Amino acid sequence: MEQGRRYVLVAWLGAAIRPAFSSFVAIAGAIAVGTSILIGTGVDPGFAYFIILSESLGTEFGVTKILIELVPLLITALGLLICFRAGIWNLGAQGQMLIGALLANVVGYSFGPLPSPVIIPLLLLAGMVAGAAWALPPALLKAKLGINEVITTMLLNFVAMNILRFLIKGILRDVREEHPLTYPIVSTAKLPNIYGTQVHIGILIALAFGAVVYLLMARTKLGFELRILGQSLKTARYIGLPVGRLIVLAFVISGAASGLAGAIQVSGVMRNINPVWTPGYWLAAVPLVFIAKMSPIAVIPLSLLFAVLLVGGDIMHRTTGVPVYFVDILLSLMLLFFAVSEVVWRIQMRRVEG
């Protein structure tokens, strides 16, 4: 009887705190280890973390920079979430973003006479189509031949980077520039800023996309089928779900999201592309999605937290001399502590059940 009460109590507590437990452990553990690293290198951790927060959240420049960085990070994370919920490891978001940005840039300067209400949606659509197309080969290889998507998607990242460099140094190069760059998009293709701010409307697109992903995964038949696929491939096949089609759809939607992120970067921030541009948003988006427990709602505030770390870490580097990749260490530690906390939790629950 006592054992049964204990199990009920633990189960109730688990349902109440389980969603946030692993995420809290991941963030707290990463900060604790990061503090030890800073102390070991002779840096005052209190001052370093103060710089990250005060200079990013306490200034207009910092807040603007955070919101601009939030856009590609949030969109990329939401795209990856769809694949991860389906049990698919799409690690090719970087390549999909690069190809999407490149085609968006071409559209942005090739259709210059068009007005903003026409060329901006066309540019964003071009980025989405390019990103989806770049995700299609590993999707088909996975769906038709069962080839591991981790290998194919990661290799395609390097293919995309080299295609980008080849084209920008070749036929897409702006001959007016001394160094290799693409032609800049025309002024009508630039995303407008939100009134009274220096933040472009890409932030509204990102938040709207978050709502779409939530509705897709929680309120549609496709989302339900993707969740079943992610929980058990055998079950999905047993109940007759079109597994191959679902794999391709998850890849295509995820790739389109990464391509959209690249197009928004071109239209809202960059205007042209440097051949050595290698956005690392996907590296932050992968641990972000897991720490958010693959919840579209939780991804939004956690994306904001990660954007604060990215922006604040850059400022901290210039202020204290701490290497800028210290933030990458924190993000990696978060993923590590998240995995450890998940394992510990499951062991504890098995002991209670036993």
Protein backbone atom coordinates (compact mmCIF):
# COMPACT_ATOMS: atom_id res chain seq x y z
CA MET A 1 0.00 0.00 0.00
CA GLU A 2 2.80 2.34 0.96
CA GLN A 3 4.61 1.48 -2.27
CA GLY A 4 1.47 2.35 -4.27
CA ARG A 5 1.08 5.72 -2.55
CA ARG A 6 4.71 6.49 -3.16
CA TYR A 7 4.34 5.65 -6.85
CA VAL A 8 1.23 7.84 -7.18
CA LEU A 9 3.02 10.74 -5.43
CA VAL A 10 6.10 10.45 -7.61
CA ALA A 11 3.97 10.15 -10.74
CA TRP A 12 2.02 13.27 -9.74
CA LEU A 13 5.19 15.22 -9.04
CA GLY A 14 6.64 13.96 -12.28
CA ALA A 15 3.67 15.23 -14.26
CA ALA A 16 3.92 18.60 -12.52
CA ILE A 17 7.65 19.29 -12.75
CA ARG A 18 8.82 16.90 -15.47
CA PRO A 19 8.47 19.32 -18.41
CA ALA A 20 10.78 21.89 -16.78
CA PHE A 21 13.09 19.66 -14.73
CA SER A 22 15.57 18.64 -17.43
CA SER A 23 15.59 22.11 -18.96
CA PHE A 24 16.34 23.73 -15.59
CA VAL A 25 19.11 21.24 -14.84
CA ALA A 26 20.61 21.83 -18.29
CA ILE A 27 20.73 25.62 -17.93
CA ALA A 28 21.83 25.64 -14.27
CA GLY A 29 24.49 22.98 -14.82
CA ALA A 30 25.93 24.78 -17.84
CA ILE A 31 26.14 28.07 -15.95
CA ALA A 32 27.81 26.35 -12.98
CA VAL A 33 30.46 24.67 -15.12
CA GLY A 34 30.88 27.87 -17.13
CA THR A 35 31.53 29.70 -13.89
CA SER A 36 34.27 27.21 -13.01
CA ILE A 37 35.85 27.69 -16.44
CA LEU A 38 35.87 31.47 -16.05
CA ILE A 39 37.42 31.23 -12.59
CA GLY A 40 40.05 28.84 -13.91
CA THR A 41 41.02 31.33 -16.61
CA GLY A 42 41.24 34.23 -14.18
CA VAL A 43 38.02 35.97 -15.16
CA ASP A 44 35.49 37.19 -12.61
CA PRO A 45 32.35 35.14 -13.51
CA GLY A 46 30.01 37.62 -11.84
CA PHE A 47 31.36 40.45 -13.97
CA ALA A 48 31.30 38.32 -17.13
CA TYR A 49 27.66 37.29 -16.70
CA PHE A 50 26.78 40.85 -15.70
CA ILE A 51 28.24 42.08 -19.00
CA ILE A 52 26.26 39.50 -20.95
CA LEU A 53 22.97 40.57 -19.38
CA SER A 54 23.48 44.32 -18.93
CA GLU A 55 24.99 45.05 -22.33
CA SER A 56 22.50 42.92 -24.21
CA LEU A 57 19.28 43.60 -22.32
CA GLY A 58 20.17 46.97 -20.81
CA THR A 59 20.82 48.95 -23.99
CA GLU A 60 18.74 49.78 -27.04
CA PHE A 61 21.50 48.49 -29.31
CA GLY A 62 21.65 45.22 -27.39
CA VAL A 63 17.89 44.63 -27.47
CA THR A 64 17.76 45.42 -31.19
CA LYS A 65 20.62 43.03 -31.88
CA ILE A 66 18.95 40.29 -29.80
CA LEU A 67 15.67 40.56 -31.70
CA ILE A 68 17.47 40.48 -35.04
CA GLU A 69 19.48 37.40 -34.00
CA LEU A 70 16.33 35.80 -32.62
CA VAL A 71 14.68 35.61 -36.05
CA PRO A 72 16.90 33.05 -37.87
CA LEU A 73 17.52 31.14 -34.64
CA LEU A 74 13.81 30.74 -33.88
CA ILE A 75 12.80 29.83 -37.44
CA THR A 76 15.64 27.30 -37.78
CA ALA A 77 14.80 25.74 -34.40
CA LEU A 78 11.11 25.42 -35.31
CA GLY A 79 12.02 23.72 -38.56
CA LEU A 80 14.32 21.27 -36.80
CA LEU A 81 11.63 20.61 -34.20
CA ILE A 82 9.33 19.18 -36.88
CA CYS A 83 11.98 16.68 -37.99
CA PHE A 84 13.08 15.78 -34.47
CA ARG A 85 9.48 15.15 -33.35
CA ALA A 86 9.21 12.74 -36.27
CA GLY A 87 12.37 10.94 -35.16
CA ILE A 88 14.38 12.33 -38.07
CA TRP A 89 17.84 13.85 -37.62
CA ASN A 90 18.02 16.75 -40.03
CA LEU A 91 21.49 18.15 -39.38
CA GLY A 92 21.62 19.94 -42.73
CA ALA A 93 19.94 23.19 -41.70
CA GLN A 94 23.09 25.16 -42.45
CA GLY A 95 23.23 24.01 -46.07
CA GLN A 96 19.50 24.57 -46.50
CA MET A 97 19.86 28.08 -45.09
CA LEU A 98 22.80 28.90 -47.39
CA ILE A 99 21.04 27.69 -50.54
CA GLY A 100 17.85 29.48 -49.53
CA ALA A 101 19.74 32.71 -48.92
CA LEU A 102 21.59 32.43 -52.23
CA LEU A 103 18.45 32.01 -54.34
CA ALA A 104 16.69 34.74 -52.37
CA ASN A 105 19.60 37.07 -53.10
CA VAL A 106 19.41 36.28 -56.85
CA VAL A 107 15.67 37.01 -56.86
CA GLY A 108 16.23 40.15 -54.81
CA TYR A 109 18.44 41.81 -57.40
CA SER A 110 17.09 40.20 -60.57
CA PHE A 111 13.49 41.36 -60.13
CA GLY A 112 14.37 44.90 -59.13
CA PRO A 113 11.57 46.74 -60.97
CA LEU A 114 8.93 44.94 -58.92
CA PRO A 115 7.38 46.81 -55.95
CA SER A 116 7.96 45.71 -52.36
CA PRO A 117 4.58 43.96 -51.87
CA VAL A 118 5.49 41.68 -54.78
CA ILE A 119 9.24 41.19 -54.62
CA ILE A 120 9.53 40.59 -50.86
CA PRO A 121 7.07 37.64 -50.79
CA LEU A 122 8.70 36.35 -53.99
CA LEU A 123 12.14 36.54 -52.37
CA LEU A 124 10.99 34.75 -49.22
CA LEU A 125 9.20 32.09 -51.25
CA ALA A 126 12.36 31.53 -53.32
CA GLY A 127 14.33 30.94 -50.13
CA MET A 128 11.78 28.44 -48.86
CA VAL A 129 11.66 26.54 -52.17
CA ALA A 130 15.47 26.39 -52.35
CA GLY A 131 15.78 25.18 -48.74
CA ALA A 132 13.10 22.54 -49.29
CA ALA A 133 14.75 21.37 -52.51
CA TRP A 134 18.11 21.05 -50.75
CA ALA A 135 16.47 18.89 -48.06
CA LEU A 136 14.83 16.62 -50.64
CA PRO A 137 17.81 14.35 -51.56
CA PRO A 138 18.48 13.11 -48.00
CA ALA A 139 14.71 12.80 -47.51
CA LEU A 140 14.36 10.51 -50.51
CA LEU A 141 17.47 8.54 -49.60
CA LYS A 142 16.05 8.01 -46.11
CA ALA A 143 12.52 7.20 -47.26
CA LYS A 144 13.36 4.97 -50.22
CA LEU A 145 16.69 3.35 -49.31
CA GLY A 146 16.90 3.75 -45.54
CA ILE A 147 20.21 5.65 -45.76
CA ASN A 148 21.18 7.37 -42.50
CA GLU A 149 20.11 11.01 -42.72
CA VAL A 150 22.76 12.20 -40.24
CA ILE A 151 25.50 11.44 -42.76
CA THR A 152 23.74 12.78 -45.85
CA THR A 153 22.49 16.01 -44.28
CA MET A 154 25.83 16.90 -42.70
CA LEU A 155 27.73 16.18 -45.92
CA LEU A 156 25.33 18.38 -47.86
CA ASN A 157 26.25 21.26 -45.55
CA PHE A 158 29.79 21.16 -46.96
CA VAL A 159 28.49 20.80 -50.52
CA ALA A 160 26.30 23.90 -50.03
CA MET A 161 29.20 25.92 -48.61
CA ASN A 162 31.41 25.08 -51.58
CA ILE A 163 28.67 25.75 -54.13
CA LEU A 164 28.12 29.12 -52.47
CA ARG A 165 31.81 30.00 -52.69
CA PHE A 166 32.12 28.77 -56.28
CA LEU A 167 29.15 30.78 -57.53
CA ILE A 168 29.94 33.98 -55.62
CA LYS A 169 33.51 33.92 -56.87
CA GLY A 170 32.22 33.16 -60.37
CA ILE A 171 29.01 33.99 -62.19
CA LEU A 172 27.21 35.61 -59.23
CA ARG A 173 30.07 37.95 -58.30
CA ASP A 174 29.42 41.67 -58.27
CA VAL A 175 32.12 42.89 -60.67
CA ARG A 176 32.00 46.34 -59.10
CA GLU A 177 33.37 45.03 -55.81
CA GLU A 178 37.05 44.50 -55.08
CA HIS A 179 36.34 41.40 -52.96
CA PRO A 180 33.95 38.59 -53.91
CA LEU A 181 30.34 39.49 -53.06
CA THR A 182 26.98 38.91 -54.68
CA TYR A 183 25.07 41.80 -56.15
CA PRO A 184 23.03 43.52 -53.42
CA ILE A 185 19.27 43.18 -53.44
CA VAL A 186 17.37 46.24 -54.58
CA SER A 187 15.93 48.64 -52.02
CA THR A 188 12.36 47.46 -52.65
CA ALA A 189 13.37 43.91 -51.67
CA LYS A 190 14.52 44.96 -48.22
CA LEU A 191 12.29 43.99 -45.30
CA PRO A 192 10.87 47.12 -43.66
CA ASN A 193 11.51 47.87 -40.00
CA ILE A 194 8.81 47.85 -37.37
CA TYR A 195 7.69 51.44 -36.88
CA GLY A 196 9.92 53.34 -34.46
CA THR A 197 12.55 50.60 -34.20
CA GLN A 198 15.58 49.22 -36.04
CA VAL A 199 14.10 45.70 -35.97
CA HIS A 200 12.79 44.36 -39.28
CA ILE A 201 9.44 42.65 -39.61
CA GLY A 202 11.14 39.27 -39.82
CA ILE A 203 10.50 39.01 -36.07
CA LEU A 204 6.74 39.02 -36.78
CA ILE A 205 7.21 36.37 -39.48
CA ALA A 206 9.16 34.21 -37.01
CA LEU A 207 6.48 34.48 -34.32
CA ALA A 208 3.74 33.74 -36.85
CA PHE A 209 5.70 30.70 -38.01
CA GLY A 210 5.89 29.56 -34.38
CA ALA A 211 2.09 29.68 -34.19
CA VAL A 212 1.82 27.73 -37.45
CA VAL A 213 4.19 25.02 -36.21
CA TYR A 214 2.27 24.73 -32.94
CA LEU A 215 -1.04 24.32 -34.77
CA LEU A 216 0.55 21.88 -37.23
CA MET A 217 1.96 19.61 -34.53
CA ALA A 218 -0.88 19.86 -32.01
CA ARG A 219 -4.03 20.31 -34.06
CA THR A 220 -3.61 18.56 -37.41
CA LYS A 221 -3.66 15.00 -38.67
CA LEU A 222 -0.20 15.46 -40.19
CA GLY A 223 1.23 16.57 -36.84
CA PHE A 224 -0.36 13.59 -35.10
CA GLU A 225 1.11 11.21 -37.65
CA LEU A 226 4.56 12.81 -37.35
CA ARG A 227 4.44 12.40 -33.57
CA ILE A 228 3.51 8.72 -33.90
CA LEU A 229 6.37 8.23 -36.35
CA GLY A 230 8.77 9.82 -33.89
CA GLN A 231 7.58 7.69 -30.98
CA SER A 232 7.67 4.34 -32.77
CA LEU A 233 8.52 3.54 -36.37
CA LYS A 234 7.12 0.02 -35.91
CA THR A 235 3.80 1.38 -34.65
CA ALA A 236 3.59 3.83 -37.55
CA ARG A 237 4.07 1.00 -40.03
CA TYR A 238 1.73 -1.34 -38.17
CA ILE A 239 -1.21 1.07 -38.26
CA GLY A 240 -0.61 1.79 -41.93
CA LEU A 241 0.83 5.29 -41.87
CA PRO A 242 2.63 6.39 -45.09
CA VAL A 243 6.06 6.43 -43.44
CA GLY A 244 8.00 7.37 -46.57
CA ARG A 245 5.72 10.29 -47.35
CA LEU A 246 5.88 11.53 -43.77
CA ILE A 247 9.69 11.45 -43.79
CA VAL A 248 9.79 13.47 -47.01
CA LEU A 249 7.21 15.97 -45.73
CA ALA A 250 9.08 16.51 -42.45
CA PHE A 251 12.33 17.10 -44.33
CA VAL A 252 10.73 19.45 -46.86
CA ILE A 253 9.00 21.58 -44.21
CA SER A 254 12.18 21.74 -42.12
CA GLY A 255 14.29 22.64 -45.15
CA ALA A 256 11.79 25.32 -46.18
CA ALA A 257 12.05 26.82 -42.69
CA SER A 258 15.85 27.00 -42.88
CA GLY A 259 15.62 28.48 -46.37
CA LEU A 260 13.16 31.07 -45.07
CA ALA A 261 15.62 31.98 -42.30
CA GLY A 262 18.33 32.50 -44.90
CA ALA A 263 16.07 34.62 -47.10
CA ILE A 264 15.11 36.82 -44.15
CA GLN A 265 18.78 37.34 -43.31
CA VAL A 266 19.41 38.50 -46.87
CA SER A 267 16.34 40.72 -47.04
CA GLY A 268 16.43 42.08 -43.51
CA VAL A 269 20.11 42.27 -42.58
CA MET A 270 22.76 41.52 -45.19
CA ARG A 271 21.51 42.52 -48.67
CA ASN A 272 24.41 40.63 -50.31
CA ILE A 273 26.36 37.48 -49.46
CA ASN A 274 30.02 36.95 -48.69
CA PRO A 275 31.46 33.61 -49.93
CA VAL A 276 32.80 32.79 -46.45
CA TRP A 277 29.44 33.37 -44.74
CA THR A 278 28.80 30.36 -42.52
CA PRO A 279 25.86 31.02 -40.20
CA GLY A 280 26.01 28.82 -37.13
CA TYR A 281 22.41 29.16 -36.03
CA TRP A 282 21.74 25.45 -36.50
CA LEU A 283 24.46 24.62 -33.95
CA ALA A 284 22.54 26.58 -31.34
CA ALA A 285 19.14 25.41 -32.60
CA VAL A 286 19.84 21.69 -32.05
CA PRO A 287 20.36 21.87 -28.25
CA LEU A 288 17.66 24.53 -28.06
CA VAL A 289 15.01 22.19 -29.46
CA PHE A 290 15.89 19.42 -27.02
CA ILE A 291 16.06 21.71 -24.00
CA ALA A 292 12.63 23.03 -25.02
CA LYS A 293 11.37 19.41 -24.87
CA MET A 294 10.42 19.77 -28.54
CA SER A 295 7.62 22.16 -27.63
CA PRO A 296 6.95 24.96 -30.16
CA ILE A 297 5.77 27.19 -27.32
CA ALA A 298 8.88 26.62 -25.17
CA VAL A 299 11.16 27.15 -28.18
CA ILE A 300 10.22 30.85 -28.32
CA PRO A 301 11.46 31.97 -24.85
CA LEU A 302 14.46 29.65 -25.06
CA SER A 303 15.36 31.12 -28.45
CA LEU A 304 15.29 34.52 -26.78
CA LEU A 305 17.61 33.22 -24.04
CA PHE A 306 20.01 31.79 -26.61
CA ALA A 307 19.93 35.06 -28.57
CA VAL A 308 20.86 36.91 -25.38
CA LEU A 309 23.80 34.55 -24.89
CA LEU A 310 24.96 34.95 -28.49
CA VAL A 311 24.79 38.73 -28.45
CA GLY A 312 26.01 39.10 -24.86
CA GLY A 313 28.84 36.64 -25.47
CA ASP A 314 30.13 38.75 -28.35
CA ILE A 315 30.05 41.88 -26.18
CA MET A 316 31.70 40.00 -23.31
CA HIS A 317 34.49 38.93 -25.65
CA ARG A 318 35.25 42.53 -26.55
CA THR A 319 34.98 43.70 -22.95
CA THR A 320 36.75 40.98 -20.95
CA GLY A 321 38.77 39.14 -23.58
CA VAL A 322 36.96 35.85 -22.95
CA PRO A 323 36.96 33.92 -26.26
CA VAL A 324 33.69 34.29 -28.15
CA TYR A 325 33.31 30.51 -28.36
CA PHE A 326 32.72 30.44 -24.59
CA VAL A 327 29.02 30.71 -25.48
CA ASP A 328 29.35 27.63 -27.70
CA ILE A 329 30.78 25.81 -24.69
CA LEU A 330 27.76 26.85 -22.62
CA LEU A 331 25.36 25.62 -25.29
CA SER A 332 27.17 22.29 -25.53
CA LEU A 333 27.13 21.91 -21.76
CA MET A 334 23.39 22.56 -21.73
CA LEU A 335 22.83 19.69 -24.12
CA LEU A 336 25.11 17.44 -22.07
CA PHE A 337 23.38 18.21 -18.77
CA PHE A 338 19.99 17.81 -20.43
CA ALA A 339 20.92 14.30 -21.57
CA VAL A 340 22.30 13.36 -18.15
CA SER A 341 19.20 14.66 -16.33
CA GLU A 342 16.94 12.69 -18.69
CA VAL A 343 18.85 9.48 -17.96
CA VAL A 344 18.82 10.07 -14.19
CA TRP A 345 15.09 10.83 -14.22
CA ARG A 346 14.28 7.63 -16.10
CA ILE A 347 16.43 5.54 -13.75
CA GLN A 348 14.65 7.03 -10.73
CA MET A 349 11.22 6.35 -12.24
CA ARG A 350 12.15 2.73 -12.97
CA ARG A 351 13.25 2.26 -9.37
CA VAL A 352 9.93 3.60 -8.13
CA GLU A 353 7.97 1.43 -10.52
CA GLY A 354 10.02 -1.60 -9.49
